[in-house]
Amino acid sequence: MGKFVVSPATHQTDCGRFRASFSVHRAKGNGSYCRVFRFDKTFASRDAARLFAVTQGWLQACMPNPPPC
């Protein structure tokens, strides 16, 4: 299995709250895997949104068989 790179991100909404997202990248042999996850849930702070993104990214990367793109 290839190694995963998880990249968390936060995005400020028009009302001043924050949304979380992350991307998962993996290269293995001649193939690669890249998926972006965005969440509708909003958070009061950028730190809270980032923590959520990091946690969700870690859970996704730890799945034994990630879903296909």
N, C-alpha and C. Protein backbone atom coordinates (compact mmCIF):
# COMPACT_ATOMS: atom_id res chain seq x y z
N MET A 1 0.84 -1.17 0.00
CA MET A 1 0.00 0.00 0.00
C MET A 1 0.89 1.24 0.00
N GLY A 2 0.50 2.23 -0.74
CA GLY A 2 1.25 3.48 -0.79
C GLY A 2 1.01 4.33 0.45
N LYS A 3 1.82 5.34 0.62
CA LYS A 3 1.65 6.25 1.74
C LYS A 3 0.67 7.35 1.37
N PHE A 4 -0.12 7.78 2.33
CA PHE A 4 -1.10 8.82 2.11
C PHE A 4 -0.57 10.17 2.56
N VAL A 5 -0.97 11.21 1.85
CA VAL A 5 -0.73 12.58 2.27
C VAL A 5 -2.10 13.22 2.46
N VAL A 6 -2.36 13.66 3.70
CA VAL A 6 -3.63 14.30 4.03
C VAL A 6 -3.38 15.78 4.22
N SER A 7 -4.14 16.59 3.50
CA SER A 7 -3.98 18.05 3.57
C SER A 7 -5.27 18.69 4.06
N PRO A 8 -5.32 19.10 5.34
CA PRO A 8 -6.52 19.76 5.86
C PRO A 8 -6.56 21.22 5.42
N ALA A 9 -7.77 21.77 5.36
CA ALA A 9 -7.94 23.18 5.01
C ALA A 9 -9.19 23.72 5.70
N THR A 10 -9.23 25.04 5.87
CA THR A 10 -10.41 25.71 6.40
C THR A 10 -10.80 26.84 5.46
N HIS A 11 -12.08 27.16 5.47
CA HIS A 11 -12.61 28.20 4.59
C HIS A 11 -13.58 29.04 5.39
N GLN A 12 -13.39 30.35 5.41
CA GLN A 12 -14.31 31.23 6.13
C GLN A 12 -15.56 31.46 5.30
N THR A 13 -16.73 31.38 5.95
CA THR A 13 -18.00 31.61 5.27
C THR A 13 -18.32 33.10 5.27
N ASP A 14 -19.35 33.48 4.53
CA ASP A 14 -19.76 34.89 4.47
C ASP A 14 -20.21 35.41 5.83
N CYS A 15 -20.72 34.52 6.69
CA CYS A 15 -21.20 34.96 8.01
C CYS A 15 -20.11 34.93 9.08
N GLY A 16 -18.86 34.62 8.69
CA GLY A 16 -17.75 34.66 9.64
C GLY A 16 -17.43 33.34 10.33
N ARG A 17 -18.20 32.29 10.03
CA ARG A 17 -17.88 30.97 10.59
C ARG A 17 -16.90 30.26 9.65
N PHE A 18 -16.53 29.03 9.99
CA PHE A 18 -15.51 28.32 9.21
C PHE A 18 -16.01 26.93 8.82
N ARG A 19 -15.65 26.52 7.61
CA ARG A 19 -15.92 25.18 7.12
C ARG A 19 -14.61 24.42 7.00
N ALA A 20 -14.72 23.10 7.13
CA ALA A 20 -13.54 22.24 7.05
C ALA A 20 -13.55 21.46 5.75
N SER A 21 -12.35 21.13 5.27
CA SER A 21 -12.19 20.23 4.13
C SER A 21 -10.81 19.59 4.24
N PHE A 22 -10.63 18.53 3.48
CA PHE A 22 -9.30 17.94 3.40
C PHE A 22 -9.19 17.18 2.10
N SER A 23 -7.96 16.96 1.68
CA SER A 23 -7.71 16.12 0.51
C SER A 23 -6.79 14.98 0.92
N VAL A 24 -6.97 13.85 0.25
CA VAL A 24 -6.14 12.68 0.49
C VAL A 24 -5.47 12.33 -0.83
N HIS A 25 -4.16 12.19 -0.80
CA HIS A 25 -3.38 11.84 -2.00
C HIS A 25 -2.57 10.59 -1.70
N ARG A 26 -2.49 9.71 -2.70
CA ARG A 26 -1.64 8.53 -2.57
C ARG A 26 -1.15 8.16 -3.95
N ALA A 27 0.11 7.84 -4.05
CA ALA A 27 0.68 7.35 -5.30
C ALA A 27 1.17 5.92 -5.06
N LYS A 28 0.82 5.04 -5.97
CA LYS A 28 1.22 3.63 -5.84
C LYS A 28 1.50 3.09 -7.24
N GLY A 29 2.74 2.75 -7.50
CA GLY A 29 3.09 2.23 -8.82
C GLY A 29 2.79 3.26 -9.90
N ASN A 30 2.03 2.85 -10.91
CA ASN A 30 1.67 3.75 -12.01
C ASN A 30 0.36 4.49 -11.74
N GLY A 31 -0.31 4.18 -10.63
CA GLY A 31 -1.59 4.79 -10.34
C GLY A 31 -1.50 5.79 -9.20
N SER A 32 -2.53 6.58 -9.08
CA SER A 32 -2.59 7.52 -7.97
C SER A 32 -4.04 7.66 -7.52
N TYR A 33 -4.20 8.17 -6.33
CA TYR A 33 -5.51 8.34 -5.71
C TYR A 33 -5.55 9.75 -5.16
N CYS A 34 -6.59 10.48 -5.48
CA CYS A 34 -6.74 11.83 -4.95
C CYS A 34 -8.23 12.06 -4.74
N ARG A 35 -8.58 12.50 -3.55
CA ARG A 35 -9.98 12.75 -3.25
C ARG A 35 -10.07 13.96 -2.33
N VAL A 36 -11.07 14.81 -2.57
CA VAL A 36 -11.30 16.00 -1.75
C VAL A 36 -12.62 15.82 -1.02
N PHE A 37 -12.61 16.10 0.27
CA PHE A 37 -13.81 16.02 1.11
C PHE A 37 -14.12 17.41 1.64
N ARG A 38 -15.35 17.86 1.45
CA ARG A 38 -15.80 19.15 1.97
C ARG A 38 -17.00 18.90 2.86
N PHE A 39 -17.09 19.64 3.95
CA PHE A 39 -18.15 19.43 4.93
C PHE A 39 -19.05 20.66 5.02
N ASP A 40 -20.35 20.43 5.19
CA ASP A 40 -21.32 21.52 5.33
C ASP A 40 -21.34 22.10 6.73
N LYS A 41 -20.95 21.31 7.71
CA LYS A 41 -20.95 21.77 9.11
C LYS A 41 -20.05 23.00 9.24
N THR A 42 -20.49 23.98 10.04
CA THR A 42 -19.66 25.17 10.27
C THR A 42 -19.18 25.20 11.71
N PHE A 43 -18.09 25.91 11.93
CA PHE A 43 -17.45 25.99 13.24
C PHE A 43 -17.23 27.45 13.60
N ALA A 44 -17.20 27.73 14.90
CA ALA A 44 -17.03 29.10 15.38
C ALA A 44 -15.61 29.61 15.17
N SER A 45 -14.63 28.70 15.12
CA SER A 45 -13.24 29.14 14.97
C SER A 45 -12.53 28.33 13.89
N ARG A 46 -11.48 28.93 13.35
CA ARG A 46 -10.64 28.26 12.35
C ARG A 46 -9.97 27.03 12.97
N ASP A 47 -9.54 27.14 14.24
CA ASP A 47 -8.89 26.01 14.90
C ASP A 47 -9.82 24.81 15.03
N ALA A 48 -11.09 25.06 15.37
CA ALA A 48 -12.06 23.97 15.51
C ALA A 48 -12.30 23.30 14.16
N ALA A 49 -12.41 24.08 13.10
CA ALA A 49 -12.61 23.52 11.77
C ALA A 49 -11.39 22.71 11.34
N ARG A 50 -10.20 23.22 11.63
CA ARG A 50 -8.97 22.50 11.27
C ARG A 50 -8.86 21.18 12.03
N LEU A 51 -9.18 21.18 13.31
CA LEU A 51 -9.14 19.95 14.10
C LEU A 51 -10.10 18.91 13.52
N PHE A 52 -11.28 19.34 13.14
CA PHE A 52 -12.25 18.44 12.52
C PHE A 52 -11.69 17.88 11.21
N ALA A 53 -11.11 18.72 10.38
CA ALA A 53 -10.55 18.28 9.10
C ALA A 53 -9.41 17.28 9.31
N VAL A 54 -8.53 17.56 10.26
CA VAL A 54 -7.41 16.66 10.55
C VAL A 54 -7.92 15.30 11.01
N THR A 55 -8.90 15.32 11.92
CA THR A 55 -9.46 14.07 12.44
C THR A 55 -10.13 13.26 11.34
N GLN A 56 -10.95 13.91 10.52
CA GLN A 56 -11.62 13.20 9.44
C GLN A 56 -10.61 12.68 8.41
N GLY A 57 -9.58 13.45 8.13
CA GLY A 57 -8.54 13.01 7.20
C GLY A 57 -7.79 11.80 7.72
N TRP A 58 -7.49 11.81 9.00
CA TRP A 58 -6.79 10.67 9.63
C TRP A 58 -7.67 9.42 9.54
N LEU A 59 -8.96 9.56 9.84
CA LEU A 59 -9.87 8.42 9.76
C LEU A 59 -9.94 7.87 8.33
N GLN A 60 -10.00 8.74 7.36
CA GLN A 60 -10.07 8.31 5.96
C GLN A 60 -8.79 7.59 5.54
N ALA A 61 -7.65 8.12 5.93
CA ALA A 61 -6.37 7.52 5.55
C ALA A 61 -6.15 6.17 6.23
N CYS A 62 -6.79 5.96 7.38
CA CYS A 62 -6.63 4.70 8.11
C CYS A 62 -7.56 3.59 7.63
N MET A 63 -8.51 3.94 6.75
CA MET A 63 -9.42 2.91 6.23
C MET A 63 -8.61 1.86 5.45
N PRO A 64 -8.90 0.58 5.66
CA PRO A 64 -8.11 -0.45 4.98
C PRO A 64 -8.26 -0.42 3.45
N ASN A 65 -9.44 -0.10 2.95
CA ASN A 65 -9.68 -0.03 1.51
C ASN A 65 -10.46 1.24 1.21
N PRO A 66 -9.77 2.34 0.92
CA PRO A 66 -10.49 3.58 0.65
C PRO A 66 -11.41 3.42 -0.56
N PRO A 67 -12.55 4.12 -0.54
CA PRO A 67 -13.47 4.03 -1.67
C PRO A 67 -12.83 4.57 -2.94
N PRO A 68 -13.20 4.03 -4.11
CA PRO A 68 -12.62 4.53 -5.36
C PRO A 68 -13.08 5.93 -5.67
N CYS A 69 -12.29 6.64 -6.44
CA CYS A 69 -12.64 8.02 -6.83
C CYS A 69 -13.86 8.03 -7.72
